[in-house]
Amino acid sequence: MNFLRTYLFAFAGALVFLYLRTFLLPWVPLIVGGDRVLFFVRALRIVHGQVVYRDFFELVTPGTDLLYAAGFKILGVHAWILQT
C-alpha cells in the first residue's frame, strides 16, 4: 500500500510540474517556439490522413510527429500539447 501512495504522489507531482511548465496560472498556455511548430504541422497532417514519406517528406524519423499526432487524437488539436 505504501508503494501505491508513493507512485500516486510521484504521478501527481509530475502532473503539477508539467502544468506549471505549460501554462501560466490559471489557463493561459505559453507560446510554442523553436522546432516544435514544425512537429505541430507535421502531426496535424498525420491527423488529417496524410502519410509520412508518401504524402510529405521529412528527413528526421517520424517518431515525434506520431507521438504528437496521438496526443492530438486523444486530447484534440491544441498548441499546448507540444509543450509537454
PDB file of N, CA and C in Angstrom:
ATOM      1  N   MET A   1       0.817  -1.197   0.000  1.00  0.00           N
ATOM      2  CA  MET A   1       0.000   0.000   0.000  1.00  0.00           C
ATOM      3  C   MET A   1       0.862   1.263   0.000  1.00  0.00           C
ATOM      4  N   ASN A   2       2.024   1.169   0.635  1.00  0.00           N
ATOM      5  CA  ASN A   2       2.919   2.312   0.690  1.00  0.00           C
ATOM      6  C   ASN A   2       3.472   2.636  -0.695  1.00  0.00           C
ATOM      7  N   PHE A   3       3.738   1.589  -1.518  1.00  0.00           N
ATOM      8  CA  PHE A   3       4.200   1.810  -2.896  1.00  0.00           C
ATOM      9  C   PHE A   3       3.157   2.559  -3.706  1.00  0.00           C
ATOM     10  N   LEU A   4       1.902   2.179  -3.524  1.00  0.00           N
ATOM     11  CA  LEU A   4       0.819   2.836  -4.263  1.00  0.00           C
ATOM     12  C   LEU A   4       0.747   4.321  -3.905  1.00  0.00           C
ATOM     13  N   ARG A   5       0.891   4.634  -2.642  1.00  0.00           N
ATOM     14  CA  ARG A   5       0.856   6.026  -2.206  1.00  0.00           C
ATOM     15  C   ARG A   5       2.048   6.800  -2.777  1.00  0.00           C
ATOM     16  N   THR A   6       3.219   6.180  -2.780  1.00  0.00           N
ATOM     17  CA  THR A   6       4.413   6.821  -3.335  1.00  0.00           C
ATOM     18  C   THR A   6       4.241   7.094  -4.822  1.00  0.00           C
ATOM     19  N   TYR A   7       3.747   6.113  -5.573  1.00  0.00           N
ATOM     20  CA  TYR A   7       3.531   6.300  -7.008  1.00  0.00           C
ATOM     21  C   TYR A   7       2.454   7.339  -7.286  1.00  0.00           C
ATOM     22  N   LEU A   8       1.432   7.363  -6.464  1.00  0.00           N
ATOM     23  CA  LEU A   8       0.371   8.350  -6.628  1.00  0.00           C
ATOM     24  C   LEU A   8       0.901   9.765  -6.417  1.00  0.00           C
ATOM     25  N   PHE A   9       1.708   9.971  -5.375  1.00  0.00           N
ATOM     26  CA  PHE A   9       2.295  11.286  -5.132  1.00  0.00           C
ATOM     27  C   PHE A   9       3.278  11.673  -6.231  1.00  0.00           C
ATOM     28  N   ALA A  10       4.058  10.702  -6.725  1.00  0.00           N
ATOM     29  CA  ALA A  10       5.000  10.988  -7.809  1.00  0.00           C
ATOM     30  C   ALA A  10       4.255  11.375  -9.086  1.00  0.00           C
ATOM     31  N   PHE A  11       3.180  10.663  -9.390  1.00  0.00           N
ATOM     32  CA  PHE A  11       2.385  10.964 -10.579  1.00  0.00           C
ATOM     33  C   PHE A  11       1.717  12.336 -10.450  1.00  0.00           C
ATOM     34  N   ALA A  12       1.152  12.618  -9.286  1.00  0.00           N
ATOM     35  CA  ALA A  12       0.516  13.919  -9.065  1.00  0.00           C
ATOM     36  C   ALA A  12       1.553  15.042  -9.141  1.00  0.00           C
ATOM     37  N   GLY A  13       2.735  14.818  -8.596  1.00  0.00           N
ATOM     38  CA  GLY A  13       3.801  15.818  -8.676  1.00  0.00           C
ATOM     39  C   GLY A  13       4.235  16.068 -10.112  1.00  0.00           C
ATOM     40  N   ALA A  14       4.321  14.998 -10.915  1.00  0.00           N
ATOM     41  CA  ALA A  14       4.687  15.156 -12.321  1.00  0.00           C
ATOM     42  C   ALA A  14       3.626  15.948 -13.074  1.00  0.00           C
ATOM     43  N   LEU A  15       2.354  15.688 -12.786  1.00  0.00           N
ATOM     44  CA  LEU A  15       1.276  16.436 -13.447  1.00  0.00           C
ATOM     45  C   LEU A  15       1.308  17.907 -13.067  1.00  0.00           C
ATOM     46  N   VAL A  16       1.552  18.202 -11.799  1.00  0.00           N
ATOM     47  CA  VAL A  16       1.635  19.604 -11.360  1.00  0.00           C
ATOM     48  C   VAL A  16       2.824  20.284 -12.029  1.00  0.00           C
ATOM     49  N   PHE A  17       3.964  19.603 -12.096  1.00  0.00           N
ATOM     50  CA  PHE A  17       5.149  20.165 -12.743  1.00  0.00           C
ATOM     51  C   PHE A  17       4.881  20.471 -14.208  1.00  0.00           C
ATOM     52  N   LEU A  18       4.293  19.529 -14.934  1.00  0.00           N
ATOM     53  CA  LEU A  18       4.005  19.736 -16.353  1.00  0.00           C
ATOM     54  C   LEU A  18       2.979  20.845 -16.556  1.00  0.00           C
ATOM     55  N   TYR A  19       1.991  20.937 -15.678  1.00  0.00           N
ATOM     56  CA  TYR A  19       1.000  22.010 -15.803  1.00  0.00           C
ATOM     57  C   TYR A  19       1.662  23.368 -15.617  1.00  0.00           C
ATOM     58  N   LEU A  20       2.484  23.504 -14.590  1.00  0.00           N
ATOM     59  CA  LEU A  20       3.129  24.787 -14.325  1.00  0.00           C
ATOM     60  C   LEU A  20       4.173  25.129 -15.388  1.00  0.00           C
ATOM     61  N   ARG A  21       4.713  24.121 -16.066  1.00  0.00           N
ATOM     62  CA  ARG A  21       5.672  24.353 -17.148  1.00  0.00           C
ATOM     63  C   ARG A  21       4.972  24.739 -18.452  1.00  0.00           C
ATOM     64  N   THR A  22       3.709  24.358 -18.593  1.00  0.00           N
ATOM     65  CA  THR A  22       2.975  24.556 -19.838  1.00  0.00           C
ATOM     66  C   THR A  22       2.058  25.768 -19.808  1.00  0.00           C
ATOM     67  N   PHE A  23       1.512  26.114 -18.644  1.00  0.00           N
ATOM     68  CA  PHE A  23       0.516  27.177 -18.543  1.00  0.00           C
ATOM     69  C   PHE A  23       0.952  28.237 -17.539  1.00  0.00           C
ATOM     70  N   LEU A  24       0.513  29.465 -17.806  1.00  0.00           N
ATOM     71  CA  LEU A  24       0.545  30.498 -16.783  1.00  0.00           C
ATOM     72  C   LEU A  24      -0.781  30.420 -16.050  1.00  0.00           C
ATOM     73  N   LEU A  25      -0.753  30.583 -14.755  1.00  0.00           N
ATOM     74  CA  LEU A  25      -1.988  30.450 -13.990  1.00  0.00           C
ATOM     75  C   LEU A  25      -2.991  31.505 -14.399  1.00  0.00           C
ATOM     76  N   PRO A  26      -4.254  31.194 -14.580  1.00  0.00           N
ATOM     77  CA  PRO A  26      -4.859  29.904 -14.397  1.00  0.00           C
ATOM     78  C   PRO A  26      -4.909  29.041 -15.659  1.00  0.00           C
ATOM     79  N   TRP A  27      -5.154  29.600 -16.857  1.00  0.00           N
ATOM     80  CA  TRP A  27      -5.345  28.763 -18.047  1.00  0.00           C
ATOM     81  C   TRP A  27      -4.669  29.304 -19.287  1.00  0.00           C
ATOM     82  N   VAL A  28      -3.674  30.129 -19.196  1.00  0.00           N
ATOM     83  CA  VAL A  28      -3.057  30.758 -20.360  1.00  0.00           C
ATOM     84  C   VAL A  28      -1.858  29.911 -20.813  1.00  0.00           C
ATOM     85  N   PRO A  29      -1.934  29.283 -22.002  1.00  0.00           N
ATOM     86  CA  PRO A  29      -0.799  28.461 -22.454  1.00  0.00           C
ATOM     87  C   PRO A  29       0.384  29.333 -22.862  1.00  0.00           C
ATOM     88  N   LEU A  30       1.577  28.815 -22.638  1.00  0.00           N
ATOM     89  CA  LEU A  30       2.790  29.506 -23.045  1.00  0.00           C
ATOM     90  C   LEU A  30       2.987  29.370 -24.555  1.00  0.00           C
ATOM     91  N   ILE A  31       3.726  30.279 -25.148  1.00  0.00           N
ATOM     92  CA  ILE A  31       3.949  30.288 -26.590  1.00  0.00           C
ATOM     93  C   ILE A  31       4.938  29.187 -26.979  1.00  0.00           C
ATOM     94  N   VAL A  32       4.602  28.477 -28.043  1.00  0.00           N
ATOM     95  CA  VAL A  32       5.479  27.436 -28.559  1.00  0.00           C
ATOM     96  C   VAL A  32       6.547  28.086 -29.428  1.00  0.00           C
ATOM     97  N   GLY A  33       7.780  27.655 -29.289  1.00  0.00           N
ATOM     98  CA  GLY A  33       8.849  28.226 -30.094  1.00  0.00           C
ATOM     99  C   GLY A  33       9.772  27.148 -30.616  1.00  0.00           C
ATOM    100  N   GLY A  34      10.686  27.549 -31.452  1.00  0.00           N
ATOM    101  CA  GLY A  34      11.671  26.620 -31.983  1.00  0.00           C
ATOM    102  C   GLY A  34      11.100  25.672 -33.015  1.00  0.00           C
ATOM    103  N   ASP A  35      11.620  24.446 -33.017  1.00  0.00           N
ATOM    104  CA  ASP A  35      11.211  23.438 -33.996  1.00  0.00           C
ATOM    105  C   ASP A  35       9.874  22.793 -33.675  1.00  0.00           C
ATOM    106  N   ARG A  36       9.332  23.061 -32.527  1.00  0.00           N
ATOM    107  CA  ARG A  36       8.071  22.424 -32.150  1.00  0.00           C
ATOM    108  C   ARG A  36       6.939  22.783 -33.094  1.00  0.00           C
ATOM    109  N   VAL A  37       6.998  23.945 -33.685  1.00  0.00           N
ATOM    110  CA  VAL A  37       5.957  24.349 -34.636  1.00  0.00           C
ATOM    111  C   VAL A  37       5.978  23.424 -35.849  1.00  0.00           C
ATOM    112  N   LEU A  38       7.165  23.028 -36.290  1.00  0.00           N
ATOM    113  CA  LEU A  38       7.263  22.104 -37.424  1.00  0.00           C
ATOM    114  C   LEU A  38       6.667  20.748 -37.070  1.00  0.00           C
ATOM    115  N   PHE A  39       6.941  20.258 -35.860  1.00  0.00           N
ATOM    116  CA  PHE A  39       6.351  18.991 -35.430  1.00  0.00           C
ATOM    117  C   PHE A  39       4.838  19.113 -35.337  1.00  0.00           C
ATOM    118  N   PHE A  40       4.339  20.268 -34.899  1.00  0.00           N
ATOM    119  CA  PHE A  40       2.900  20.506 -34.812  1.00  0.00           C
ATOM    120  C   PHE A  40       2.250  20.381 -36.191  1.00  0.00           C
ATOM    121  N   VAL A  41       2.853  21.012 -37.189  1.00  0.00           N
ATOM    122  CA  VAL A  41       2.281  20.997 -38.540  1.00  0.00           C
ATOM    123  C   VAL A  41       2.312  19.592 -39.121  1.00  0.00           C
ATOM    124  N   ARG A  42       3.421  18.881 -38.933  1.00  0.00           N
ATOM    125  CA  ARG A  42       3.502  17.517 -39.472  1.00  0.00           C
ATOM    126  C   ARG A  42       2.540  16.579 -38.753  1.00  0.00           C
ATOM    127  N   ALA A  43       2.399  16.723 -37.439  1.00  0.00           N
ATOM    128  CA  ALA A  43       1.446  15.890 -36.705  1.00  0.00           C
ATOM    129  C   ALA A  43       0.015  16.187 -37.135  1.00  0.00           C
ATOM    130  N   LEU A  44      -0.271  17.439 -37.402  1.00  0.00           N
ATOM    131  CA  LEU A  44      -1.600  17.805 -37.886  1.00  0.00           C
ATOM    132  C   LEU A  44      -1.869  17.189 -39.252  1.00  0.00           C
ATOM    133  N   ARG A  45      -0.848  17.128 -40.100  1.00  0.00           N
ATOM    134  CA  ARG A  45      -1.018  16.479 -41.401  1.00  0.00           C
ATOM    135  C   ARG A  45      -1.299  14.991 -41.231  1.00  0.00           C
ATOM    136  N   ILE A  46      -0.655  14.347 -40.265  1.00  0.00           N
ATOM    137  CA  ILE A  46      -0.911  12.928 -39.996  1.00  0.00           C
ATOM    138  C   ILE A  46      -2.332  12.732 -39.492  1.00  0.00           C
ATOM    139  N   VAL A  47      -2.787  13.605 -38.604  1.00  0.00           N
ATOM    140  CA  VAL A  47      -4.152  13.506 -38.075  1.00  0.00           C
ATOM    141  C   VAL A  47      -5.172  13.649 -39.193  1.00  0.00           C
ATOM    142  N   HIS A  48      -4.871  14.468 -40.192  1.00  0.00           N
ATOM    143  CA  HIS A  48      -5.796  14.676 -41.309  1.00  0.00           C
ATOM    144  C   HIS A  48      -5.676  13.605 -42.390  1.00  0.00           C
ATOM    145  N   GLY A  49      -4.890  12.545 -42.138  1.00  0.00           N
ATOM    146  CA  GLY A  49      -4.877  11.398 -43.032  1.00  0.00           C
ATOM    147  C   GLY A  49      -3.691  11.281 -43.963  1.00  0.00           C
ATOM    148  N   GLN A  50      -2.774  12.219 -43.949  1.00  0.00           N
ATOM    149  CA  GLN A  50      -1.602  12.097 -44.804  1.00  0.00           C
ATOM    150  C   GLN A  50      -0.600  11.126 -44.176  1.00  0.00           C
ATOM    151  N   VAL A  51       0.234  10.534 -45.004  1.00  0.00           N
ATOM    152  CA  VAL A  51       1.207   9.548 -44.551  1.00  0.00           C
ATOM    153  C   VAL A  51       2.611  10.096 -44.772  1.00  0.00           C
ATOM    154  N   VAL A  52       3.451   9.955 -43.733  1.00  0.00           N
ATOM    155  CA  VAL A  52       4.837  10.419 -43.820  1.00  0.00           C
ATOM    156  C   VAL A  52       5.557   9.619 -44.900  1.00  0.00           C
ATOM    157  N   TYR A  53       6.394  10.281 -45.672  1.00  0.00           N
ATOM    158  CA  TYR A  53       7.215   9.724 -46.752  1.00  0.00           C
ATOM    159  C   TYR A  53       6.406   9.328 -47.980  1.00  0.00           C
ATOM    160  N   ARG A  54       5.084   9.331 -47.900  1.00  0.00           N
ATOM    161  CA  ARG A  54       4.286   9.128 -49.101  1.00  0.00           C
ATOM    162  C   ARG A  54       3.669  10.450 -49.539  1.00  0.00           C
ATOM    163  N   ASP A  55       3.029  11.150 -48.600  1.00  0.00           N
ATOM    164  CA  ASP A  55       2.382  12.418 -48.914  1.00  0.00           C
ATOM    165  C   ASP A  55       3.282  13.613 -48.653  1.00  0.00           C
ATOM    166  N   PHE A  56       4.214  13.493 -47.734  1.00  0.00           N
ATOM    167  CA  PHE A  56       5.197  14.556 -47.494  1.00  0.00           C
ATOM    168  C   PHE A  56       6.479  13.919 -46.997  1.00  0.00           C
ATOM    169  N   PHE A  57       7.588  14.556 -47.309  1.00  0.00           N
ATOM    170  CA  PHE A  57       8.896  14.010 -46.973  1.00  0.00           C
ATOM    171  C   PHE A  57       9.474  14.736 -45.778  1.00  0.00           C
ATOM    172  N   GLU A  58      10.144  13.983 -44.938  1.00  0.00           N
ATOM    173  CA  GLU A  58      10.795  14.552 -43.763  1.00  0.00           C
ATOM    174  C   GLU A  58      12.115  13.829 -43.543  1.00  0.00           C
ATOM    175  N   LEU A  59      13.152  14.579 -43.218  1.00  0.00           N
ATOM    176  CA  LEU A  59      14.473  13.989 -43.026  1.00  0.00           C
ATOM    177  C   LEU A  59      14.631  13.297 -41.681  1.00  0.00           C
ATOM    178  N   VAL A  60      13.901  13.710 -40.681  1.00  0.00           N
ATOM    179  CA  VAL A  60      14.012  13.081 -39.368  1.00  0.00           C
ATOM    180  C   VAL A  60      13.038  11.923 -39.264  1.00  0.00           C
ATOM    181  N   THR A  61      13.271  11.060 -38.279  1.00  0.00           N
ATOM    182  CA  THR A  61      12.372   9.920 -38.098  1.00  0.00           C
ATOM    183  C   THR A  61      10.996  10.401 -37.644  1.00  0.00           C
ATOM    184  N   PRO A  62       9.936   9.675 -37.977  1.00  0.00           N
ATOM    185  CA  PRO A  62       8.580  10.164 -37.709  1.00  0.00           C
ATOM    186  C   PRO A  62       8.102   9.952 -36.282  1.00  0.00           C
ATOM    187  N   GLY A  63       8.959   9.544 -35.366  1.00  0.00           N
ATOM    188  CA  GLY A  63       8.515   9.229 -34.004  1.00  0.00           C
ATOM    189  C   GLY A  63       7.879  10.402 -33.293  1.00  0.00           C
ATOM    190  N   THR A  64       8.484  11.572 -33.356  1.00  0.00           N
ATOM    191  CA  THR A  64       7.937  12.730 -32.665  1.00  0.00           C
ATOM    192  C   THR A  64       6.613  13.153 -33.278  1.00  0.00           C
ATOM    193  N   ASP A  65       6.540  13.137 -34.596  1.00  0.00           N
ATOM    194  CA  ASP A  65       5.290  13.502 -35.271  1.00  0.00           C
ATOM    195  C   ASP A  65       4.164  12.539 -34.897  1.00  0.00           C
ATOM    196  N   LEU A  66       4.488  11.249 -34.827  1.00  0.00           N
ATOM    197  CA  LEU A  66       3.465  10.263 -34.469  1.00  0.00           C
ATOM    198  C   LEU A  66       3.037  10.414 -33.014  1.00  0.00           C
ATOM    199  N   LEU A  67       3.973  10.754 -32.136  1.00  0.00           N
ATOM    200  CA  LEU A  67       3.628  10.990 -30.739  1.00  0.00           C
ATOM    201  C   LEU A  67       2.683  12.174 -30.610  1.00  0.00           C
ATOM    202  N   TYR A  68       2.983  13.267 -31.299  1.00  0.00           N
ATOM    203  CA  TYR A  68       2.110  14.434 -31.263  1.00  0.00           C
ATOM    204  C   TYR A  68       0.765  14.135 -31.924  1.00  0.00           C
ATOM    205  N   ALA A  69       0.768  13.366 -33.003  1.00  0.00           N
ATOM    206  CA  ALA A  69      -0.491  13.003 -33.662  1.00  0.00           C
ATOM    207  C   ALA A  69      -1.372  12.187 -32.718  1.00  0.00           C
ATOM    208  N   ALA A  70      -0.763  11.279 -31.959  1.00  0.00           N
ATOM    209  CA  ALA A  70      -1.532  10.504 -30.980  1.00  0.00           C
ATOM    210  C   ALA A  70      -2.095  11.423 -29.899  1.00  0.00           C
ATOM    211  N   GLY A  71      -1.295  12.391 -29.454  1.00  0.00           N
ATOM    212  CA  GLY A  71      -1.793  13.362 -28.478  1.00  0.00           C
ATOM    213  C   GLY A  71      -2.939  14.186 -29.021  1.00  0.00           C
ATOM    214  N   PHE A  72      -2.852  14.564 -30.296  1.00  0.00           N
ATOM    215  CA  PHE A  72      -3.933  15.330 -30.919  1.00  0.00           C
ATOM    216  C   PHE A  72      -5.207  14.497 -31.012  1.00  0.00           C
ATOM    217  N   LYS A  73      -5.068  13.218 -31.337  1.00  0.00           N
ATOM    218  CA  LYS A  73      -6.257  12.363 -31.440  1.00  0.00           C
ATOM    219  C   LYS A  73      -6.916  12.171 -30.078  1.00  0.00           C
ATOM    220  N   ILE A  74      -6.096  12.082 -29.029  1.00  0.00           N
ATOM    221  CA  ILE A  74      -6.637  11.840 -27.694  1.00  0.00           C
ATOM    222  C   ILE A  74      -7.187  13.124 -27.074  1.00  0.00           C
ATOM    223  N   LEU A  75      -6.421  14.219 -27.146  1.00  0.00           N
ATOM    224  CA  LEU A  75      -6.767  15.450 -26.432  1.00  0.00           C
ATOM    225  C   LEU A  75      -7.335  16.553 -27.315  1.00  0.00           C
ATOM    226  N   GLY A  76      -7.311  16.356 -28.650  1.00  0.00           N
ATOM    227  CA  GLY A  76      -7.735  17.411 -29.561  1.00  0.00           C
ATOM    228  C   GLY A  76      -6.537  18.227 -30.013  1.00  0.00           C
ATOM    229  N   VAL A  77      -6.714  19.003 -31.051  1.00  0.00           N
ATOM    230  CA  VAL A  77      -5.620  19.789 -31.618  1.00  0.00           C
ATOM    231  C   VAL A  77      -5.475  21.087 -30.826  1.00  0.00           C
ATOM    232  N   HIS A  78      -4.458  21.116 -29.981  1.00  0.00           N
ATOM    233  CA  HIS A  78      -4.154  22.281 -29.156  1.00  0.00           C
ATOM    234  C   HIS A  78      -2.645  22.485 -29.162  1.00  0.00           C
ATOM    235  N   ALA A  79      -2.224  23.717 -29.216  1.00  0.00           N
ATOM    236  CA  ALA A  79      -0.792  24.013 -29.246  1.00  0.00           C
ATOM    237  C   ALA A  79      -0.107  23.673 -27.932  1.00  0.00           C
ATOM    238  N   TRP A  80      -0.823  23.616 -26.822  1.00  0.00           N
ATOM    239  CA  TRP A  80      -0.185  23.333 -25.543  1.00  0.00           C
ATOM    240  C   TRP A  80       0.293  21.905 -25.450  1.00  0.00           C
ATOM    241  N   ILE A  81      -0.169  21.012 -26.313  1.00  0.00           N
ATOM    242  CA  ILE A  81       0.284  19.631 -26.293  1.00  0.00           C
ATOM    243  C   ILE A  81       1.770  19.542 -26.600  1.00  0.00           C
ATOM    244  N   LEU A  82       2.276  20.440 -27.434  1.00  0.00           N
ATOM    245  CA  LEU A  82       3.686  20.420 -27.808  1.00  0.00           C
ATOM    246  C   LEU A  82       4.601  20.819 -26.675  1.00  0.00           C
ATOM    247  N   GLN A  83       4.097  21.447 -25.658  1.00  0.00           N
ATOM    248  CA  GLN A  83       4.942  21.952 -24.592  1.00  0.00           C
ATOM    249  C   GLN A  83       5.270  20.910 -23.553  1.00  0.00           C
ATOM    250  N   THR A  84       4.578  19.782 -23.550  1.00  0.00           N
ATOM    251  CA  THR A  84       4.826  18.786 -22.521  1.00  0.00           C
ATOM    252  C   THR A  84       5.994  17.918 -22.854  1.00  0.00           C
TER     253      THR A  84
END
